[in-house]
Amino acid sequence: MGVLGSILLIIWYILTAVQEFFAYGTAYRQTKLGGDDGVALFGWLLVYSFAAMIPGLGIYFWYKNRYVNITE
């Protein structure tokens, strides 16, 4: 692996780490909409953690769900 491959790997890792933070907030909002318990949170967090491995997908889900009203 050359220098370019190493740089791309580092960028992918940083983007995945940022999306993991977004995944927790998105999973929390989804949990508040449905079953409000730890099992639902774990399930949504698992789904969004897998989505965070794909560059941009975790940020897309976060952007799409950031204005969900959880106070209902």
PDB file of N, CA and C in Angstrom:
ATOM      1  N   MET A   1       0.850  -1.166   0.000  1.00  0.00           N
ATOM      2  CA  MET A   1       0.000   0.000   0.000  1.00  0.00           C
ATOM      3  C   MET A   1       0.895   1.228   0.000  1.00  0.00           C
ATOM      4  N   GLY A   2       0.607   2.116  -0.894  1.00  0.00           N
ATOM      5  CA  GLY A   2       1.411   3.320  -1.000  1.00  0.00           C
ATOM      6  C   GLY A   2       0.920   4.425  -0.091  1.00  0.00           C
ATOM      7  N   VAL A   3       1.483   5.575  -0.331  1.00  0.00           N
ATOM      8  CA  VAL A   3       1.140   6.744   0.476  1.00  0.00           C
ATOM      9  C   VAL A   3      -0.312   7.139   0.241  1.00  0.00           C
ATOM     10  N   LEU A   4      -0.753   7.092  -1.007  1.00  0.00           N
ATOM     11  CA  LEU A   4      -2.133   7.461  -1.315  1.00  0.00           C
ATOM     12  C   LEU A   4      -3.123   6.513  -0.643  1.00  0.00           C
ATOM     13  N   GLY A   5      -2.819   5.232  -0.632  1.00  0.00           N
ATOM     14  CA  GLY A   5      -3.680   4.263   0.042  1.00  0.00           C
ATOM     15  C   GLY A   5      -3.744   4.509   1.538  1.00  0.00           C
ATOM     16  N   SER A   6      -2.611   4.859   2.119  1.00  0.00           N
ATOM     17  CA  SER A   6      -2.585   5.158   3.556  1.00  0.00           C
ATOM     18  C   SER A   6      -3.400   6.404   3.881  1.00  0.00           C
ATOM     19  N   ILE A   7      -3.305   7.412   3.044  1.00  0.00           N
ATOM     20  CA  ILE A   7      -4.067   8.638   3.265  1.00  0.00           C
ATOM     21  C   ILE A   7      -5.563   8.363   3.141  1.00  0.00           C
ATOM     22  N   LEU A   8      -5.955   7.583   2.138  1.00  0.00           N
ATOM     23  CA  LEU A   8      -7.371   7.241   1.979  1.00  0.00           C
ATOM     24  C   LEU A   8      -7.880   6.425   3.161  1.00  0.00           C
ATOM     25  N   LEU A   9      -7.064   5.534   3.677  1.00  0.00           N
ATOM     26  CA  LEU A   9      -7.455   4.731   4.833  1.00  0.00           C
ATOM     27  C   LEU A   9      -7.634   5.596   6.081  1.00  0.00           C
ATOM     28  N   ILE A  10      -6.765   6.555   6.279  1.00  0.00           N
ATOM     29  CA  ILE A  10      -6.863   7.468   7.417  1.00  0.00           C
ATOM     30  C   ILE A  10      -8.116   8.337   7.303  1.00  0.00           C
ATOM     31  N   ILE A  11      -8.395   8.846   6.086  1.00  0.00           N
ATOM     32  CA  ILE A  11      -9.595   9.658   5.874  1.00  0.00           C
ATOM     33  C   ILE A  11     -10.846   8.831   6.129  1.00  0.00           C
ATOM     34  N   TRP A  12     -10.859   7.577   5.650  1.00  0.00           N
ATOM     35  CA  TRP A  12     -12.015   6.695   5.875  1.00  0.00           C
ATOM     36  C   TRP A  12     -12.205   6.438   7.365  1.00  0.00           C
ATOM     37  N   TYR A  13     -11.123   6.222   8.090  1.00  0.00           N
ATOM     38  CA  TYR A  13     -11.217   5.966   9.524  1.00  0.00           C
ATOM     39  C   TYR A  13     -11.763   7.177  10.278  1.00  0.00           C
ATOM     40  N   ILE A  14     -11.299   8.362   9.949  1.00  0.00           N
ATOM     41  CA  ILE A  14     -11.766   9.580  10.609  1.00  0.00           C
ATOM     42  C   ILE A  14     -13.244   9.807  10.303  1.00  0.00           C
ATOM     43  N   LEU A  15     -13.640   9.627   9.043  1.00  0.00           N
ATOM     44  CA  LEU A  15     -15.035   9.801   8.667  1.00  0.00           C
ATOM     45  C   LEU A  15     -15.931   8.781   9.366  1.00  0.00           C
ATOM     46  N   THR A  16     -15.453   7.555   9.506  1.00  0.00           N
ATOM     47  CA  THR A  16     -16.218   6.531  10.212  1.00  0.00           C
ATOM     48  C   THR A  16     -16.370   6.889  11.688  1.00  0.00           C
ATOM     49  N   ALA A  17     -15.329   7.408  12.303  1.00  0.00           N
ATOM     50  CA  ALA A  17     -15.405   7.799  13.717  1.00  0.00           C
ATOM     51  C   ALA A  17     -16.408   8.931  13.924  1.00  0.00           C
ATOM     52  N   VAL A  18     -16.409   9.911  13.033  1.00  0.00           N
ATOM     53  CA  VAL A  18     -17.364  11.022  13.134  1.00  0.00           C
ATOM     54  C   VAL A  18     -18.785  10.505  12.961  1.00  0.00           C
ATOM     55  N   GLN A  19     -18.979   9.605  12.005  1.00  0.00           N
ATOM     56  CA  GLN A  19     -20.308   9.071  11.753  1.00  0.00           C
ATOM     57  C   GLN A  19     -20.797   8.194  12.902  1.00  0.00           C
ATOM     58  N   GLU A  20     -19.889   7.587  13.655  1.00  0.00           N
ATOM     59  CA  GLU A  20     -20.285   6.812  14.836  1.00  0.00           C
ATOM     60  C   GLU A  20     -20.917   7.718  15.893  1.00  0.00           C
ATOM     61  N   PHE A  21     -20.387   8.934  16.050  1.00  0.00           N
ATOM     62  CA  PHE A  21     -20.995   9.884  16.986  1.00  0.00           C
ATOM     63  C   PHE A  21     -22.396  10.273  16.513  1.00  0.00           C
ATOM     64  N   PHE A  22     -22.532  10.520  15.215  1.00  0.00           N
ATOM     65  CA  PHE A  22     -23.841  10.838  14.656  1.00  0.00           C
ATOM     66  C   PHE A  22     -24.789   9.650  14.778  1.00  0.00           C
ATOM     67  N   ALA A  23     -24.269   8.433  14.687  1.00  0.00           N
ATOM     68  CA  ALA A  23     -25.102   7.227  14.759  1.00  0.00           C
ATOM     69  C   ALA A  23     -25.778   7.114  16.119  1.00  0.00           C
ATOM     70  N   TYR A  24     -25.077   7.478  17.177  1.00  0.00           N
ATOM     71  CA  TYR A  24     -25.681   7.388  18.506  1.00  0.00           C
ATOM     72  C   TYR A  24     -26.864   8.335  18.639  1.00  0.00           C
ATOM     73  N   GLY A  25     -26.712   9.570  18.184  1.00  0.00           N
ATOM     74  CA  GLY A  25     -27.813  10.532  18.258  1.00  0.00           C
ATOM     75  C   GLY A  25     -28.988  10.125  17.398  1.00  0.00           C
ATOM     76  N   THR A  26     -28.716   9.610  16.212  1.00  0.00           N
ATOM     77  CA  THR A  26     -29.787   9.177  15.321  1.00  0.00           C
ATOM     78  C   THR A  26     -30.502   7.968  15.901  1.00  0.00           C
ATOM     79  N   ALA A  27     -29.761   7.035  16.474  1.00  0.00           N
ATOM     80  CA  ALA A  27     -30.377   5.857  17.095  1.00  0.00           C
ATOM     81  C   ALA A  27     -31.231   6.271  18.289  1.00  0.00           C
ATOM     82  N   TYR A  28     -30.771   7.249  19.044  1.00  0.00           N
ATOM     83  CA  TYR A  28     -31.548   7.731  20.190  1.00  0.00           C
ATOM     84  C   TYR A  28     -32.873   8.327  19.735  1.00  0.00           C
ATOM     85  N   ARG A  29     -32.828   9.148  18.680  1.00  0.00           N
ATOM     86  CA  ARG A  29     -34.060   9.744  18.172  1.00  0.00           C
ATOM     87  C   ARG A  29     -35.019   8.684  17.643  1.00  0.00           C
ATOM     88  N   GLN A  30     -34.501   7.686  16.945  1.00  0.00           N
ATOM     89  CA  GLN A  30     -35.357   6.616  16.434  1.00  0.00           C
ATOM     90  C   GLN A  30     -35.963   5.809  17.582  1.00  0.00           C
ATOM     91  N   THR A  31     -35.207   5.605  18.640  1.00  0.00           N
ATOM     92  CA  THR A  31     -35.707   4.867  19.790  1.00  0.00           C
ATOM     93  C   THR A  31     -36.833   5.626  20.478  1.00  0.00           C
ATOM     94  N   LYS A  32     -36.695   6.938  20.588  1.00  0.00           N
ATOM     95  CA  LYS A  32     -37.734   7.734  21.229  1.00  0.00           C
ATOM     96  C   LYS A  32     -39.031   7.725  20.429  1.00  0.00           C
ATOM     97  N   LEU A  33     -38.956   7.505  19.127  1.00  0.00           N
ATOM     98  CA  LEU A  33     -40.162   7.456  18.299  1.00  0.00           C
ATOM     99  C   LEU A  33     -40.927   6.151  18.473  1.00  0.00           C
ATOM    100  N   GLY A  34     -40.210   5.064  18.754  1.00  0.00           N
ATOM    101  CA  GLY A  34     -40.863   3.764  18.865  1.00  0.00           C
ATOM    102  C   GLY A  34     -40.773   3.226  20.276  1.00  0.00           C
ATOM    103  N   GLY A  35     -40.260   2.016  20.387  1.00  0.00           N
ATOM    104  CA  GLY A  35     -40.106   1.398  21.703  1.00  0.00           C
ATOM    105  C   GLY A  35     -38.990   2.066  22.472  1.00  0.00           C
ATOM    106  N   ASP A  36     -39.319   2.689  23.568  1.00  0.00           N
ATOM    107  CA  ASP A  36     -38.344   3.466  24.334  1.00  0.00           C
ATOM    108  C   ASP A  36     -37.691   2.574  25.385  1.00  0.00           C
ATOM    109  N   ASP A  37     -36.798   1.691  24.947  1.00  0.00           N
ATOM    110  CA  ASP A  37     -36.092   0.825  25.886  1.00  0.00           C
ATOM    111  C   ASP A  37     -34.683   0.539  25.355  1.00  0.00           C
ATOM    112  N   GLY A  38     -33.902  -0.140  26.147  1.00  0.00           N
ATOM    113  CA  GLY A  38     -32.511  -0.403  25.798  1.00  0.00           C
ATOM    114  C   GLY A  38     -32.344  -1.343  24.623  1.00  0.00           C
ATOM    115  N   VAL A  39     -33.274  -2.271  24.450  1.00  0.00           N
ATOM    116  CA  VAL A  39     -33.178  -3.215  23.335  1.00  0.00           C
ATOM    117  C   VAL A  39     -33.359  -2.487  22.014  1.00  0.00           C
ATOM    118  N   ALA A  40     -34.337  -1.580  21.960  1.00  0.00           N
ATOM    119  CA  ALA A  40     -34.561  -0.806  20.743  1.00  0.00           C
ATOM    120  C   ALA A  40     -33.357   0.090  20.448  1.00  0.00           C
ATOM    121  N   LEU A  41     -32.803   0.699  21.489  1.00  0.00           N
ATOM    122  CA  LEU A  41     -31.625   1.552  21.293  1.00  0.00           C
ATOM    123  C   LEU A  41     -30.460   0.730  20.773  1.00  0.00           C
ATOM    124  N   PHE A  42     -30.249  -0.455  21.331  1.00  0.00           N
ATOM    125  CA  PHE A  42     -29.171  -1.310  20.856  1.00  0.00           C
ATOM    126  C   PHE A  42     -29.382  -1.701  19.393  1.00  0.00           C
ATOM    127  N   GLY A  43     -30.604  -2.031  19.038  1.00  0.00           N
ATOM    128  CA  GLY A  43     -30.895  -2.415  17.660  1.00  0.00           C
ATOM    129  C   GLY A  43     -30.652  -1.287  16.682  1.00  0.00           C
ATOM    130  N   TRP A  44     -31.161  -0.097  17.000  1.00  0.00           N
ATOM    131  CA  TRP A  44     -30.938   1.047  16.117  1.00  0.00           C
ATOM    132  C   TRP A  44     -29.459   1.429  16.065  1.00  0.00           C
ATOM    133  N   LEU A  45     -28.777   1.347  17.200  1.00  0.00           N
ATOM    134  CA  LEU A  45     -27.351   1.679  17.213  1.00  0.00           C
ATOM    135  C   LEU A  45     -26.558   0.699  16.360  1.00  0.00           C
ATOM    136  N   LEU A  46     -26.938  -0.556  16.374  1.00  0.00           N
ATOM    137  CA  LEU A  46     -26.283  -1.559  15.526  1.00  0.00           C
ATOM    138  C   LEU A  46     -26.494  -1.228  14.049  1.00  0.00           C
ATOM    139  N   VAL A  47     -27.717  -0.884  13.688  1.00  0.00           N
ATOM    140  CA  VAL A  47     -28.023  -0.544  12.289  1.00  0.00           C
ATOM    141  C   VAL A  47     -27.230   0.681  11.843  1.00  0.00           C
ATOM    142  N   TYR A  48     -27.250   1.733  12.650  1.00  0.00           N
ATOM    143  CA  TYR A  48     -26.569   2.962  12.262  1.00  0.00           C
ATOM    144  C   TYR A  48     -25.048   2.841  12.368  1.00  0.00           C
ATOM    145  N   SER A  49     -24.552   1.947  13.202  1.00  0.00           N
ATOM    146  CA  SER A  49     -23.104   1.708  13.255  1.00  0.00           C
ATOM    147  C   SER A  49     -22.624   1.030  11.983  1.00  0.00           C
ATOM    148  N   PHE A  50     -23.428   0.100  11.468  1.00  0.00           N
ATOM    149  CA  PHE A  50     -23.072  -0.505  10.185  1.00  0.00           C
ATOM    150  C   PHE A  50     -23.145   0.527   9.061  1.00  0.00           C
ATOM    151  N   ALA A  51     -24.128   1.423   9.125  1.00  0.00           N
ATOM    152  CA  ALA A  51     -24.249   2.474   8.112  1.00  0.00           C
ATOM    153  C   ALA A  51     -23.072   3.443   8.192  1.00  0.00           C
ATOM    154  N   ALA A  52     -22.490   3.599   9.376  1.00  0.00           N
ATOM    155  CA  ALA A  52     -21.364   4.524   9.539  1.00  0.00           C
ATOM    156  C   ALA A  52     -20.102   4.022   8.843  1.00  0.00           C
ATOM    157  N   MET A  53     -20.044   2.746   8.536  1.00  0.00           N
ATOM    158  CA  MET A  53     -18.866   2.209   7.848  1.00  0.00           C
ATOM    159  C   MET A  53     -18.819   2.615   6.382  1.00  0.00           C
ATOM    160  N   ILE A  54     -19.958   3.025   5.834  1.00  0.00           N
ATOM    161  CA  ILE A  54     -20.012   3.476   4.449  1.00  0.00           C
ATOM    162  C   ILE A  54     -19.870   4.993   4.456  1.00  0.00           C
ATOM    163  N   PRO A  55     -18.840   5.519   3.808  1.00  0.00           N
ATOM    164  CA  PRO A  55     -18.609   6.967   3.851  1.00  0.00           C
ATOM    165  C   PRO A  55     -19.807   7.761   3.344  1.00  0.00           C
ATOM    166  N   GLY A  56     -20.287   8.654   4.183  1.00  0.00           N
ATOM    167  CA  GLY A  56     -21.378   9.538   3.828  1.00  0.00           C
ATOM    168  C   GLY A  56     -22.755   9.038   4.216  1.00  0.00           C
ATOM    169  N   LEU A  57     -22.953   7.751   4.361  1.00  0.00           N
ATOM    170  CA  LEU A  57     -24.281   7.222   4.653  1.00  0.00           C
ATOM    171  C   LEU A  57     -24.727   7.573   6.069  1.00  0.00           C
ATOM    172  N   GLY A  58     -23.835   7.504   7.032  1.00  0.00           N
ATOM    173  CA  GLY A  58     -24.174   7.869   8.405  1.00  0.00           C
ATOM    174  C   GLY A  58     -24.526   9.341   8.525  1.00  0.00           C
ATOM    175  N   ILE A  59     -23.797  10.181   7.817  1.00  0.00           N
ATOM    176  CA  ILE A  59     -24.095  11.614   7.836  1.00  0.00           C
ATOM    177  C   ILE A  59     -25.426  11.869   7.147  1.00  0.00           C
ATOM    178  N   TYR A  60     -25.730  11.151   6.081  1.00  0.00           N
ATOM    179  CA  TYR A  60     -27.018  11.291   5.400  1.00  0.00           C
ATOM    180  C   TYR A  60     -28.181  10.942   6.333  1.00  0.00           C
ATOM    181  N   PHE A  61     -28.077   9.823   7.051  1.00  0.00           N
ATOM    182  CA  PHE A  61     -29.142   9.439   7.974  1.00  0.00           C
ATOM    183  C   PHE A  61     -29.287  10.449   9.102  1.00  0.00           C
ATOM    184  N   TRP A  62     -28.173  10.954   9.600  1.00  0.00           N
ATOM    185  CA  TRP A  62     -28.230  11.963  10.648  1.00  0.00           C
ATOM    186  C   TRP A  62     -28.913  13.224  10.131  1.00  0.00           C
ATOM    187  N   TYR A  63     -28.549  13.676   8.941  1.00  0.00           N
ATOM    188  CA  TYR A  63     -29.133  14.884   8.354  1.00  0.00           C
ATOM    189  C   TYR A  63     -30.625  14.697   8.095  1.00  0.00           C
ATOM    190  N   LYS A  64     -30.999  13.513   7.641  1.00  0.00           N
ATOM    191  CA  LYS A  64     -32.394  13.222   7.334  1.00  0.00           C
ATOM    192  C   LYS A  64     -33.251  13.194   8.601  1.00  0.00           C
ATOM    193  N   ASN A  65     -32.707  12.743   9.730  1.00  0.00           N
ATOM    194  CA  ASN A  65     -33.473  12.561  10.964  1.00  0.00           C
ATOM    195  C   ASN A  65     -33.186  13.590  12.041  1.00  0.00           C
ATOM    196  N   ARG A  66     -32.478  14.647  11.744  1.00  0.00           N
ATOM    197  CA  ARG A  66     -32.072  15.561  12.815  1.00  0.00           C
ATOM    198  C   ARG A  66     -33.196  16.435  13.332  1.00  0.00           C
ATOM    199  N   TYR A  67     -34.272  16.616  12.589  1.00  0.00           N
ATOM    200  CA  TYR A  67     -35.376  17.444  13.055  1.00  0.00           C
ATOM    201  C   TYR A  67     -36.593  16.627  13.445  1.00  0.00           C
ATOM    202  N   VAL A  68     -36.387  15.394  13.817  1.00  0.00           N
ATOM    203  CA  VAL A  68     -37.485  14.540  14.264  1.00  0.00           C
ATOM    204  C   VAL A  68     -37.933  15.030  15.633  1.00  0.00           C
ATOM    205  N   ASN A  69     -39.228  15.212  15.813  1.00  0.00           N
ATOM    206  CA  ASN A  69     -39.777  15.710  17.070  1.00  0.00           C
ATOM    207  C   ASN A  69     -39.925  14.536  18.044  1.00  0.00           C
ATOM    208  N   ILE A  70     -39.090  14.498  19.084  1.00  0.00           N
ATOM    209  CA  ILE A  70     -39.125  13.376  20.023  1.00  0.00           C
ATOM    210  C   ILE A  70     -39.902  13.700  21.291  1.00  0.00           C
ATOM    211  N   THR A  71     -40.532  14.874  21.348  1.00  0.00           N
ATOM    212  CA  THR A  71     -41.241  15.270  22.556  1.00  0.00           C
ATOM    213  C   THR A  71     -42.706  14.848  22.554  1.00  0.00           C
ATOM    214  N   GLU A  72     -43.141  14.190  21.504  1.00  0.00           N
ATOM    215  CA  GLU A  72     -44.551  13.790  21.418  1.00  0.00           C
ATOM    216  C   GLU A  72     -44.867  12.653  22.331  1.00  0.00           C
TER     217      GLU A  72
END
